[in-house]
Amino acid sequence: MRDCIKQYLKECKSLLPTYGKDEKIFMDRIQNDILSYSLENEKITYELIVNEFGTSHDLVNSYYEGIDINKLYKKIQTKKMIKNFLICFLIILLIISSYISIFYYRLHQEFQNSIPDHFEVTIEEIEQTRTGYES
């Protein structure tokens, strides 16, 4: 697939607020149409694609004109809710990880402080007296 086709498809995909099953079918249909058009025209360029299919904005707008607005709204809300949930989850995970890290750091410091860093050894000679049986 040529770079101009990839660029056009990438622009169309980036303009879609959600990317679900319906949008995948839409993008596959556009890709097939552009590929069949490219077989007819050997020297296809980005400008030829725009002249034949319209700008990526026009194409996506025409797609959304045929879609129920409530369905689109629900998809966007669901995507937003999942995104917010993941952000909250990551924040909570970060807080818990920080707490655990601080706990283990303090435990490590306490362990390091409990290990003596030097020993003092005193050796004393003890005089032993001989007690025994005298003969």
N, C-alpha and C. Protein backbone atom coordinates (compact mmCIF):
# COMPACT_ATOMS: atom_id res chain seq x y z
N MET A 1 0.85 -1.16 0.00
CA MET A 1 0.00 0.00 0.00
C MET A 1 0.90 1.23 0.00
N ARG A 2 0.55 2.18 -0.79
CA ARG A 2 1.37 3.38 -0.93
C ARG A 2 1.21 4.31 0.26
N ASP A 3 2.19 5.18 0.40
CA ASP A 3 2.19 6.12 1.53
C ASP A 3 1.02 7.09 1.47
N CYS A 4 0.63 7.51 0.27
CA CYS A 4 -0.48 8.47 0.17
C CYS A 4 -1.80 7.83 0.62
N ILE A 5 -1.97 6.54 0.34
CA ILE A 5 -3.17 5.84 0.78
C ILE A 5 -3.15 5.69 2.30
N LYS A 6 -1.99 5.30 2.85
CA LYS A 6 -1.86 5.17 4.30
C LYS A 6 -2.13 6.49 5.00
N GLN A 7 -1.60 7.57 4.43
CA GLN A 7 -1.80 8.89 5.03
C GLN A 7 -3.27 9.26 5.04
N TYR A 8 -3.96 9.04 3.95
CA TYR A 8 -5.39 9.36 3.86
C TYR A 8 -6.19 8.54 4.87
N LEU A 9 -5.91 7.25 4.95
CA LEU A 9 -6.64 6.39 5.88
C LEU A 9 -6.33 6.77 7.34
N LYS A 10 -5.09 7.14 7.59
CA LYS A 10 -4.70 7.54 8.94
C LYS A 10 -5.43 8.82 9.34
N GLU A 11 -5.53 9.76 8.42
CA GLU A 11 -6.27 11.00 8.71
C GLU A 11 -7.75 10.71 8.98
N CYS A 12 -8.34 9.84 8.19
CA CYS A 12 -9.75 9.48 8.41
C CYS A 12 -9.93 8.83 9.78
N LYS A 13 -9.04 7.91 10.11
CA LYS A 13 -9.16 7.21 11.38
C LYS A 13 -8.97 8.15 12.56
N SER A 14 -8.07 9.13 12.41
CA SER A 14 -7.84 10.06 13.52
C SER A 14 -9.03 11.00 13.75
N LEU A 15 -9.86 11.17 12.75
CA LEU A 15 -11.03 12.04 12.90
C LEU A 15 -12.23 11.34 13.54
N LEU A 16 -12.15 10.04 13.65
CA LEU A 16 -13.25 9.29 14.27
C LEU A 16 -13.12 9.40 15.80
N PRO A 17 -14.16 9.88 16.49
CA PRO A 17 -14.06 10.03 17.95
C PRO A 17 -14.04 8.68 18.68
N THR A 18 -14.64 7.69 18.09
CA THR A 18 -14.58 6.34 18.65
C THR A 18 -14.20 5.40 17.52
N TYR A 19 -13.67 4.24 17.89
CA TYR A 19 -13.29 3.27 16.87
C TYR A 19 -13.79 1.91 17.30
N GLY A 20 -15.02 1.64 16.92
CA GLY A 20 -15.64 0.37 17.27
C GLY A 20 -15.85 -0.49 16.03
N LYS A 21 -16.80 -1.40 16.14
CA LYS A 21 -17.07 -2.33 15.05
C LYS A 21 -17.57 -1.60 13.80
N ASP A 22 -18.48 -0.66 13.98
CA ASP A 22 -19.03 0.07 12.84
C ASP A 22 -17.97 0.90 12.13
N GLU A 23 -17.12 1.54 12.92
CA GLU A 23 -16.07 2.36 12.33
C GLU A 23 -15.03 1.50 11.61
N LYS A 24 -14.78 0.33 12.15
CA LYS A 24 -13.84 -0.58 11.47
C LYS A 24 -14.40 -1.02 10.12
N ILE A 25 -15.67 -1.31 10.08
CA ILE A 25 -16.30 -1.68 8.81
C ILE A 25 -16.22 -0.51 7.83
N PHE A 26 -16.49 0.69 8.31
CA PHE A 26 -16.41 1.89 7.49
C PHE A 26 -14.99 2.07 6.94
N MET A 27 -13.99 1.92 7.80
CA MET A 27 -12.60 2.10 7.35
C MET A 27 -12.18 0.99 6.38
N ASP A 28 -12.64 -0.22 6.59
CA ASP A 28 -12.33 -1.31 5.66
C ASP A 28 -12.95 -1.06 4.29
N ARG A 29 -14.17 -0.54 4.30
CA ARG A 29 -14.84 -0.23 3.03
C ARG A 29 -14.11 0.87 2.28
N ILE A 30 -13.69 1.91 3.00
CA ILE A 30 -12.93 2.99 2.36
C ILE A 30 -11.61 2.46 1.82
N GLN A 31 -10.93 1.64 2.62
CA GLN A 31 -9.65 1.09 2.18
C GLN A 31 -9.82 0.26 0.92
N ASN A 32 -10.85 -0.57 0.87
CA ASN A 32 -11.10 -1.39 -0.31
C ASN A 32 -11.42 -0.51 -1.52
N ASP A 33 -12.23 0.53 -1.32
CA ASP A 33 -12.56 1.44 -2.43
C ASP A 33 -11.31 2.14 -2.95
N ILE A 34 -10.46 2.60 -2.05
CA ILE A 34 -9.24 3.30 -2.47
C ILE A 34 -8.28 2.34 -3.16
N LEU A 35 -8.17 1.12 -2.65
CA LEU A 35 -7.28 0.14 -3.28
C LEU A 35 -7.76 -0.23 -4.68
N SER A 36 -9.06 -0.39 -4.85
CA SER A 36 -9.57 -0.69 -6.19
C SER A 36 -9.38 0.51 -7.12
N TYR A 37 -9.51 1.72 -6.58
CA TYR A 37 -9.24 2.93 -7.37
C TYR A 37 -7.77 3.01 -7.75
N SER A 38 -6.89 2.59 -6.84
CA SER A 38 -5.46 2.64 -7.12
C SER A 38 -5.06 1.62 -8.19
N LEU A 39 -5.81 0.54 -8.31
CA LEU A 39 -5.52 -0.44 -9.36
C LEU A 39 -5.84 0.14 -10.74
N GLU A 40 -6.86 1.00 -10.79
CA GLU A 40 -7.24 1.65 -12.05
C GLU A 40 -6.23 2.75 -12.42
N ASN A 41 -5.72 3.44 -11.43
CA ASN A 41 -4.77 4.54 -11.65
C ASN A 41 -3.42 4.14 -11.07
N GLU A 42 -2.47 3.88 -11.95
CA GLU A 42 -1.16 3.44 -11.52
C GLU A 42 -0.43 4.51 -10.70
N LYS A 43 -0.49 5.74 -11.14
CA LYS A 43 0.23 6.83 -10.48
C LYS A 43 -0.72 7.58 -9.55
N ILE A 44 -1.13 6.91 -8.50
CA ILE A 44 -2.08 7.52 -7.57
C ILE A 44 -1.32 8.44 -6.62
N THR A 45 -1.91 9.58 -6.36
CA THR A 45 -1.35 10.54 -5.41
C THR A 45 -2.42 10.91 -4.39
N TYR A 46 -1.97 11.62 -3.36
CA TYR A 46 -2.89 12.06 -2.32
C TYR A 46 -3.97 12.98 -2.92
N GLU A 47 -3.57 13.83 -3.84
CA GLU A 47 -4.52 14.76 -4.47
C GLU A 47 -5.58 14.02 -5.28
N LEU A 48 -5.17 12.96 -5.98
CA LEU A 48 -6.15 12.16 -6.73
C LEU A 48 -7.15 11.50 -5.79
N ILE A 49 -6.66 11.02 -4.67
CA ILE A 49 -7.57 10.40 -3.70
C ILE A 49 -8.56 11.43 -3.17
N VAL A 50 -8.08 12.63 -2.84
CA VAL A 50 -8.95 13.68 -2.32
C VAL A 50 -9.96 14.09 -3.39
N ASN A 51 -9.52 14.19 -4.66
CA ASN A 51 -10.44 14.55 -5.75
C ASN A 51 -11.53 13.50 -5.95
N GLU A 52 -11.16 12.23 -5.78
CA GLU A 52 -12.12 11.14 -6.01
C GLU A 52 -13.04 10.93 -4.82
N PHE A 53 -12.50 10.92 -3.61
CA PHE A 53 -13.28 10.56 -2.42
C PHE A 53 -13.64 11.76 -1.54
N GLY A 54 -13.01 12.87 -1.74
CA GLY A 54 -13.25 14.04 -0.89
C GLY A 54 -12.22 14.08 0.23
N THR A 55 -12.20 15.19 0.94
CA THR A 55 -11.24 15.30 2.04
C THR A 55 -11.63 14.32 3.15
N SER A 56 -10.67 14.04 4.00
CA SER A 56 -10.96 13.11 5.09
C SER A 56 -12.05 13.66 6.00
N HIS A 57 -12.07 14.98 6.19
CA HIS A 57 -13.13 15.60 7.00
C HIS A 57 -14.50 15.38 6.38
N ASP A 58 -14.60 15.60 5.07
CA ASP A 58 -15.88 15.41 4.38
C ASP A 58 -16.35 13.96 4.46
N LEU A 59 -15.40 13.04 4.30
CA LEU A 59 -15.74 11.62 4.32
C LEU A 59 -16.27 11.19 5.69
N VAL A 60 -15.59 11.63 6.75
CA VAL A 60 -16.02 11.27 8.10
C VAL A 60 -17.34 11.96 8.43
N ASN A 61 -17.51 13.20 8.01
CA ASN A 61 -18.78 13.91 8.24
C ASN A 61 -19.93 13.20 7.55
N SER A 62 -19.70 12.73 6.33
CA SER A 62 -20.78 12.01 5.63
C SER A 62 -21.09 10.69 6.32
N TYR A 63 -20.08 10.06 6.91
CA TYR A 63 -20.31 8.82 7.65
C TYR A 63 -21.20 9.09 8.87
N TYR A 64 -20.91 10.16 9.59
CA TYR A 64 -21.66 10.45 10.81
C TYR A 64 -23.03 11.05 10.54
N GLU A 65 -23.27 11.53 9.33
CA GLU A 65 -24.61 12.00 8.99
C GLU A 65 -25.60 10.84 8.94
N GLY A 66 -25.11 9.67 8.60
CA GLY A 66 -25.98 8.50 8.50
C GLY A 66 -26.10 7.70 9.78
N ILE A 67 -25.46 8.14 10.85
CA ILE A 67 -25.47 7.39 12.11
C ILE A 67 -26.40 8.08 13.10
N ASP A 68 -27.05 7.27 13.92
CA ASP A 68 -27.91 7.80 14.97
C ASP A 68 -27.06 8.57 15.98
N ILE A 69 -27.44 9.79 16.26
CA ILE A 69 -26.66 10.66 17.13
C ILE A 69 -26.65 10.13 18.56
N ASN A 70 -27.74 9.50 19.00
CA ASN A 70 -27.78 8.94 20.35
C ASN A 70 -26.78 7.79 20.51
N LYS A 71 -26.67 6.98 19.47
CA LYS A 71 -25.72 5.87 19.49
C LYS A 71 -24.29 6.41 19.57
N LEU A 72 -24.01 7.44 18.81
CA LEU A 72 -22.68 8.06 18.83
C LEU A 72 -22.41 8.68 20.20
N TYR A 73 -23.41 9.34 20.75
CA TYR A 73 -23.26 9.97 22.07
C TYR A 73 -22.95 8.91 23.14
N LYS A 74 -23.65 7.78 23.08
CA LYS A 74 -23.40 6.71 24.05
C LYS A 74 -21.99 6.15 23.90
N LYS A 75 -21.54 6.00 22.65
CA LYS A 75 -20.18 5.50 22.43
C LYS A 75 -19.14 6.46 23.01
N ILE A 76 -19.35 7.74 22.79
CA ILE A 76 -18.40 8.74 23.29
C ILE A 76 -18.43 8.77 24.82
N GLN A 77 -19.61 8.70 25.40
CA GLN A 77 -19.73 8.69 26.86
C GLN A 77 -19.07 7.45 27.46
N THR A 78 -19.27 6.31 26.81
CA THR A 78 -18.65 5.07 27.29
C THR A 78 -17.14 5.18 27.23
N LYS A 79 -16.64 5.71 26.13
CA LYS A 79 -15.19 5.89 25.98
C LYS A 79 -14.67 6.84 27.06
N LYS A 80 -15.40 7.90 27.32
CA LYS A 80 -14.99 8.88 28.33
C LYS A 80 -15.00 8.24 29.73
N MET A 81 -16.02 7.45 30.02
CA MET A 81 -16.14 6.80 31.32
C MET A 81 -15.00 5.79 31.52
N ILE A 82 -14.68 5.02 30.51
CA ILE A 82 -13.57 4.06 30.60
C ILE A 82 -12.25 4.79 30.80
N LYS A 83 -12.08 5.88 30.09
CA LYS A 83 -10.85 6.67 30.22
C LYS A 83 -10.72 7.22 31.64
N ASN A 84 -11.80 7.77 32.19
CA ASN A 84 -11.77 8.30 33.55
C ASN A 84 -11.53 7.20 34.58
N PHE A 85 -12.13 6.04 34.37
CA PHE A 85 -11.92 4.91 35.26
C PHE A 85 -10.46 4.48 35.26
N LEU A 86 -9.86 4.40 34.08
CA LEU A 86 -8.46 4.00 33.99
C LEU A 86 -7.54 5.03 34.65
N ILE A 87 -7.85 6.30 34.48
CA ILE A 87 -7.05 7.34 35.12
C ILE A 87 -7.15 7.22 36.64
N CYS A 88 -8.36 7.05 37.16
CA CYS A 88 -8.54 6.88 38.61
C CYS A 88 -7.82 5.63 39.10
N PHE A 89 -7.94 4.55 38.36
CA PHE A 89 -7.27 3.31 38.73
C PHE A 89 -5.76 3.49 38.79
N LEU A 90 -5.21 4.18 37.80
CA LEU A 90 -3.76 4.40 37.78
C LEU A 90 -3.31 5.32 38.92
N ILE A 91 -4.12 6.31 39.25
CA ILE A 91 -3.79 7.19 40.38
C ILE A 91 -3.80 6.41 41.68
N ILE A 92 -4.83 5.59 41.88
CA ILE A 92 -4.91 4.77 43.09
C ILE A 92 -3.74 3.79 43.15
N LEU A 93 -3.42 3.19 42.02
CA LEU A 93 -2.29 2.27 41.96
C LEU A 93 -0.98 2.99 42.29
N LEU A 94 -0.83 4.20 41.81
CA LEU A 94 0.36 4.99 42.10
C LEU A 94 0.46 5.32 43.59
N ILE A 95 -0.66 5.67 44.20
CA ILE A 95 -0.67 5.99 45.63
C ILE A 95 -0.32 4.75 46.45
N ILE A 96 -0.93 3.63 46.12
CA ILE A 96 -0.65 2.38 46.85
C ILE A 96 0.81 1.97 46.66
N SER A 97 1.30 2.08 45.45
CA SER A 97 2.70 1.72 45.19
C SER A 97 3.65 2.63 45.96
N SER A 98 3.31 3.91 46.03
CA SER A 98 4.15 4.84 46.79
C SER A 98 4.15 4.49 48.27
N TYR A 99 2.98 4.20 48.80
CA TYR A 99 2.87 3.82 50.20
C TYR A 99 3.69 2.57 50.50
N ILE A 100 3.57 1.57 49.66
CA ILE A 100 4.32 0.32 49.85
C ILE A 100 5.82 0.58 49.74
N SER A 101 6.21 1.41 48.78
CA SER A 101 7.64 1.72 48.63
C SER A 101 8.18 2.44 49.85
N ILE A 102 7.43 3.40 50.38
CA ILE A 102 7.86 4.12 51.58
C ILE A 102 7.96 3.16 52.76
N PHE A 103 6.98 2.28 52.90
CA PHE A 103 6.99 1.31 53.98
C PHE A 103 8.23 0.44 53.92
N TYR A 104 8.52 -0.11 52.74
CA TYR A 104 9.69 -0.98 52.61
C TYR A 104 10.99 -0.20 52.73
N TYR A 105 11.01 1.05 52.31
CA TYR A 105 12.21 1.86 52.50
C TYR A 105 12.48 2.09 53.99
N ARG A 106 11.45 2.40 54.74
CA ARG A 106 11.61 2.60 56.18
C ARG A 106 12.02 1.30 56.87
N LEU A 107 11.44 0.21 56.44
CA LEU A 107 11.81 -1.10 56.98
C LEU A 107 13.28 -1.40 56.69
N HIS A 108 13.71 -1.08 55.51
CA HIS A 108 15.11 -1.28 55.13
C HIS A 108 16.03 -0.39 55.98
N GLN A 109 15.63 0.87 56.17
CA GLN A 109 16.43 1.78 56.99
C GLN A 109 16.53 1.27 58.43
N GLU A 110 15.41 0.80 58.95
CA GLU A 110 15.40 0.26 60.31
C GLU A 110 16.31 -0.95 60.41
N PHE A 111 16.28 -1.81 59.42
CA PHE A 111 17.14 -2.99 59.40
C PHE A 111 18.60 -2.57 59.34
N GLN A 112 18.90 -1.58 58.49
CA GLN A 112 20.28 -1.10 58.38
C GLN A 112 20.78 -0.51 59.69
N ASN A 113 19.91 0.20 60.40
CA ASN A 113 20.30 0.80 61.67
C ASN A 113 20.45 -0.24 62.78
N SER A 114 19.79 -1.37 62.65
CA SER A 114 19.90 -2.39 63.69
C SER A 114 21.16 -3.23 63.57
N ILE A 115 21.81 -3.16 62.43
CA ILE A 115 23.05 -3.91 62.24
C ILE A 115 24.19 -3.06 62.80
N PRO A 116 24.96 -3.60 63.75
CA PRO A 116 26.07 -2.80 64.28
C PRO A 116 27.14 -2.62 63.22
N ASP A 117 27.71 -1.43 63.19
CA ASP A 117 28.70 -1.17 62.17
C ASP A 117 30.12 -1.48 62.65
N HIS A 118 30.31 -1.67 63.94
CA HIS A 118 31.60 -2.11 64.44
C HIS A 118 31.39 -2.88 65.75
N PHE A 119 32.36 -3.74 66.04
CA PHE A 119 32.33 -4.55 67.25
C PHE A 119 33.56 -4.21 68.09
N GLU A 120 33.38 -4.24 69.37
CA GLU A 120 34.52 -4.06 70.27
C GLU A 120 34.69 -5.36 71.02
N VAL A 121 35.84 -5.91 70.84
CA VAL A 121 36.12 -7.19 71.47
C VAL A 121 37.21 -6.96 72.51
N THR A 122 36.98 -7.40 73.70
CA THR A 122 37.96 -7.29 74.77
C THR A 122 38.36 -8.70 75.18
N ILE A 123 39.64 -8.92 75.15
CA ILE A 123 40.16 -10.23 75.55
C ILE A 123 40.88 -10.04 76.88
N GLU A 124 40.44 -10.72 77.85
CA GLU A 124 41.05 -10.65 79.17
C GLU A 124 41.66 -11.99 79.51
N GLU A 125 42.81 -11.92 80.12
CA GLU A 125 43.43 -13.16 80.55
C GLU A 125 42.96 -13.44 81.96
N ILE A 126 42.57 -14.61 82.16
CA ILE A 126 42.12 -15.01 83.47
C ILE A 126 43.21 -15.91 84.06
N GLU A 127 43.65 -15.53 85.20
CA GLU A 127 44.69 -16.30 85.85
C GLU A 127 44.05 -17.49 86.54
N GLN A 128 44.59 -18.60 86.23
CA GLN A 128 44.04 -19.80 86.86
C GLN A 128 45.02 -20.25 87.94
N THR A 129 44.50 -20.55 89.02
CA THR A 129 45.33 -21.08 90.09
C THR A 129 45.23 -22.58 90.07
N ARG A 130 46.34 -23.15 90.38
CA ARG A 130 46.35 -24.59 90.38
C ARG A 130 45.92 -25.09 91.75
N THR A 131 44.87 -25.73 91.74
CA THR A 131 44.45 -26.37 92.98
C THR A 131 44.44 -27.84 92.72
N GLY A 132 44.99 -28.47 93.47
CA GLY A 132 45.01 -29.89 93.23
C GLY A 132 45.52 -30.60 94.48
N TYR A 133 45.81 -31.77 94.29
CA TYR A 133 46.27 -32.57 95.41
C TYR A 133 47.77 -32.45 95.50
N GLU A 134 48.21 -32.13 96.62
CA GLU A 134 49.65 -32.05 96.83
C GLU A 134 50.10 -33.36 97.43
N SER A 135 51.12 -33.85 96.94
CA SER A 135 51.57 -35.09 97.52
C SER A 135 52.88 -34.98 98.23
